[in-house]
Amino acid sequence: MKEEQKLYRVTLRGMTYSSTGVVEGISYVVATNAEEAYQKVKKRLDEKDYGFSNDRELDKVELLASTYEYTGTRTLLYL
C-alpha cells in the first residue's frame, strides 16, 4: 500500500510579498506530513540562501488535500 500523500500550504514568517517575482514565503508542497513539507521548503531556501534566516522560520502549515479517499479535509489530491 502506498503512503498517503498530502498537499500543504507552507507559510513562512517572511518573504510573503513580492512586487516583481515569486513569493518565496508561501509554498504549496506535496509531502507525507507537515514537518516534511516545511523541511522541503526550508532546504531549498537554505541552499539558495534566500532571505534572512528569520524570514525562513515557519509561521504555519495548512493541510489542503489528501490522496486518502476518506480524508478529513474533504478535498482529494490526485497525483
C-alpha atoms as a PDB file:
ATOM      1  CA  MET A   1       0.000   0.000   0.000  1.00  0.00           C
ATOM      2  CA  LYS A   2       1.322   3.434  -0.952  1.00  0.00           C
ATOM      3  CA  GLU A   3       1.929   6.018   1.740  1.00  0.00           C
ATOM      4  CA  GLU A   4      -0.703   8.730   1.851  1.00  0.00           C
ATOM      5  CA  GLN A   5       0.403  11.974   0.209  1.00  0.00           C
ATOM      6  CA  LYS A   6      -0.954  15.330   1.291  1.00  0.00           C
ATOM      7  CA  LEU A   7      -0.957  18.838  -0.122  1.00  0.00           C
ATOM      8  CA  TYR A   8       0.166  21.537   2.304  1.00  0.00           C
ATOM      9  CA  ARG A   9       0.420  25.320   2.119  1.00  0.00           C
ATOM     10  CA  VAL A  10       3.592  26.323   3.973  1.00  0.00           C
ATOM     11  CA  THR A  11       3.771  29.955   5.104  1.00  0.00           C
ATOM     12  CA  LEU A  12       6.991  31.413   6.463  1.00  0.00           C
ATOM     13  CA  ARG A  13       7.465  34.459   8.703  1.00  0.00           C
ATOM     14  CA  GLY A  14       8.973  36.488   5.878  1.00  0.00           C
ATOM     15  CA  MET A  15       9.176  36.679   2.090  1.00  0.00           C
ATOM     16  CA  THR A  16       5.372  36.656   1.728  1.00  0.00           C
ATOM     17  CA  TYR A  17       5.197  39.631  -0.624  1.00  0.00           C
ATOM     18  CA  SER A  18       6.931  40.469  -3.895  1.00  0.00           C
ATOM     19  CA  SER A  19       6.072  43.120  -6.457  1.00  0.00           C
ATOM     20  CA  THR A  20       8.463  41.735  -9.068  1.00  0.00           C
ATOM     21  CA  GLY A  21       8.941  37.985  -8.666  1.00  0.00           C
ATOM     22  CA  VAL A  22       7.999  34.763  -6.954  1.00  0.00           C
ATOM     23  CA  VAL A  23       6.729  34.951  -3.383  1.00  0.00           C
ATOM     24  CA  GLU A  24       9.149  32.536  -1.688  1.00  0.00           C
ATOM     25  CA  GLY A  25       7.424  32.700   1.707  1.00  0.00           C
ATOM     26  CA  ILE A  26       4.245  30.889   0.617  1.00  0.00           C
ATOM     27  CA  SER A  27       4.620  27.470  -0.998  1.00  0.00           C
ATOM     28  CA  TYR A  28       2.438  24.504  -1.913  1.00  0.00           C
ATOM     29  CA  VAL A  29       4.113  21.196  -1.117  1.00  0.00           C
ATOM     30  CA  VAL A  30       3.225  17.525  -1.547  1.00  0.00           C
ATOM     31  CA  ALA A  31       4.544  15.548   1.431  1.00  0.00           C
ATOM     32  CA  THR A  32       3.536  12.789   3.847  1.00  0.00           C
ATOM     33  CA  ASN A  33       3.382  15.098   6.886  1.00  0.00           C
ATOM     34  CA  ALA A  34       3.606  18.763   7.868  1.00  0.00           C
ATOM     35  CA  GLU A  35       7.201  18.575   9.113  1.00  0.00           C
ATOM     36  CA  GLU A  36       8.387  17.069   5.832  1.00  0.00           C
ATOM     37  CA  ALA A  37       6.561  19.822   3.923  1.00  0.00           C
ATOM     38  CA  TYR A  38       8.317  22.579   5.894  1.00  0.00           C
ATOM     39  CA  GLN A  39      11.713  20.873   5.621  1.00  0.00           C
ATOM     40  CA  LYS A  40      11.386  20.680   1.819  1.00  0.00           C
ATOM     41  CA  VAL A  41      10.777  24.426   1.629  1.00  0.00           C
ATOM     42  CA  LYS A  42      13.470  25.298   4.169  1.00  0.00           C
ATOM     43  CA  LYS A  43      16.059  23.095   2.459  1.00  0.00           C
ATOM     44  CA  ARG A  44      15.576  24.839  -0.882  1.00  0.00           C
ATOM     45  CA  LEU A  45      15.685  28.326   0.600  1.00  0.00           C
ATOM     46  CA  ASP A  46      18.767  27.477   2.673  1.00  0.00           C
ATOM     47  CA  GLU A  47      20.537  26.062  -0.399  1.00  0.00           C
ATOM     48  CA  LYS A  48      19.713  29.189  -2.440  1.00  0.00           C
ATOM     49  CA  ASP A  49      20.451  31.456   0.554  1.00  0.00           C
ATOM     50  CA  TYR A  50      17.196  33.368   0.017  1.00  0.00           C
ATOM     51  CA  GLY A  51      16.132  35.925   2.620  1.00  0.00           C
ATOM     52  CA  PHE A  52      17.356  36.216   6.171  1.00  0.00           C
ATOM     53  CA  SER A  53      17.320  33.157   8.442  1.00  0.00           C
ATOM     54  CA  ASN A  54      14.412  34.582  10.489  1.00  0.00           C
ATOM     55  CA  ASP A  55      12.425  35.011   7.225  1.00  0.00           C
ATOM     56  CA  ARG A  56      12.746  31.252   6.685  1.00  0.00           C
ATOM     57  CA  GLU A  57      11.178  30.397  10.063  1.00  0.00           C
ATOM     58  CA  LEU A  58       7.830  28.646   9.948  1.00  0.00           C
ATOM     59  CA  ASP A  59       4.657  30.646  10.504  1.00  0.00           C
ATOM     60  CA  LYS A  60       2.109  27.935   9.695  1.00  0.00           C
ATOM     61  CA  VAL A  61       1.428  24.771   7.713  1.00  0.00           C
ATOM     62  CA  GLU A  62      -2.095  24.146   6.438  1.00  0.00           C
ATOM     63  CA  LEU A  63      -3.361  20.785   5.207  1.00  0.00           C
ATOM     64  CA  LEU A  64      -5.326  21.386   2.000  1.00  0.00           C
ATOM     65  CA  ALA A  65      -5.921  17.951   0.439  1.00  0.00           C
ATOM     66  CA  SER A  66      -5.011  14.287   0.707  1.00  0.00           C
ATOM     67  CA  THR A  67      -4.789  11.220  -1.522  1.00  0.00           C
ATOM     68  CA  TYR A  68      -6.751   9.262   1.097  1.00  0.00           C
ATOM     69  CA  GLU A  69     -10.334   8.723  -0.088  1.00  0.00           C
ATOM     70  CA  TYR A  70     -11.917   9.426   3.299  1.00  0.00           C
ATOM     71  CA  THR A  71      -9.799  12.429   4.194  1.00  0.00           C
ATOM     72  CA  GLY A  72     -10.907  14.886   6.843  1.00  0.00           C
ATOM     73  CA  THR A  73     -10.017  17.778   4.530  1.00  0.00           C
ATOM     74  CA  ARG A  74     -12.962  16.883   2.275  1.00  0.00           C
ATOM     75  CA  THR A  75     -10.663  17.544  -0.700  1.00  0.00           C
ATOM     76  CA  LEU A  76      -8.928  14.818  -2.696  1.00  0.00           C
ATOM     77  CA  LEU A  77      -5.418  15.183  -4.081  1.00  0.00           C
ATOM     78  CA  TYR A  78      -4.848  13.486  -7.424  1.00  0.00           C
ATOM     79  CA  LEU A  79      -1.226  12.752  -8.372  1.00  0.00           C
END
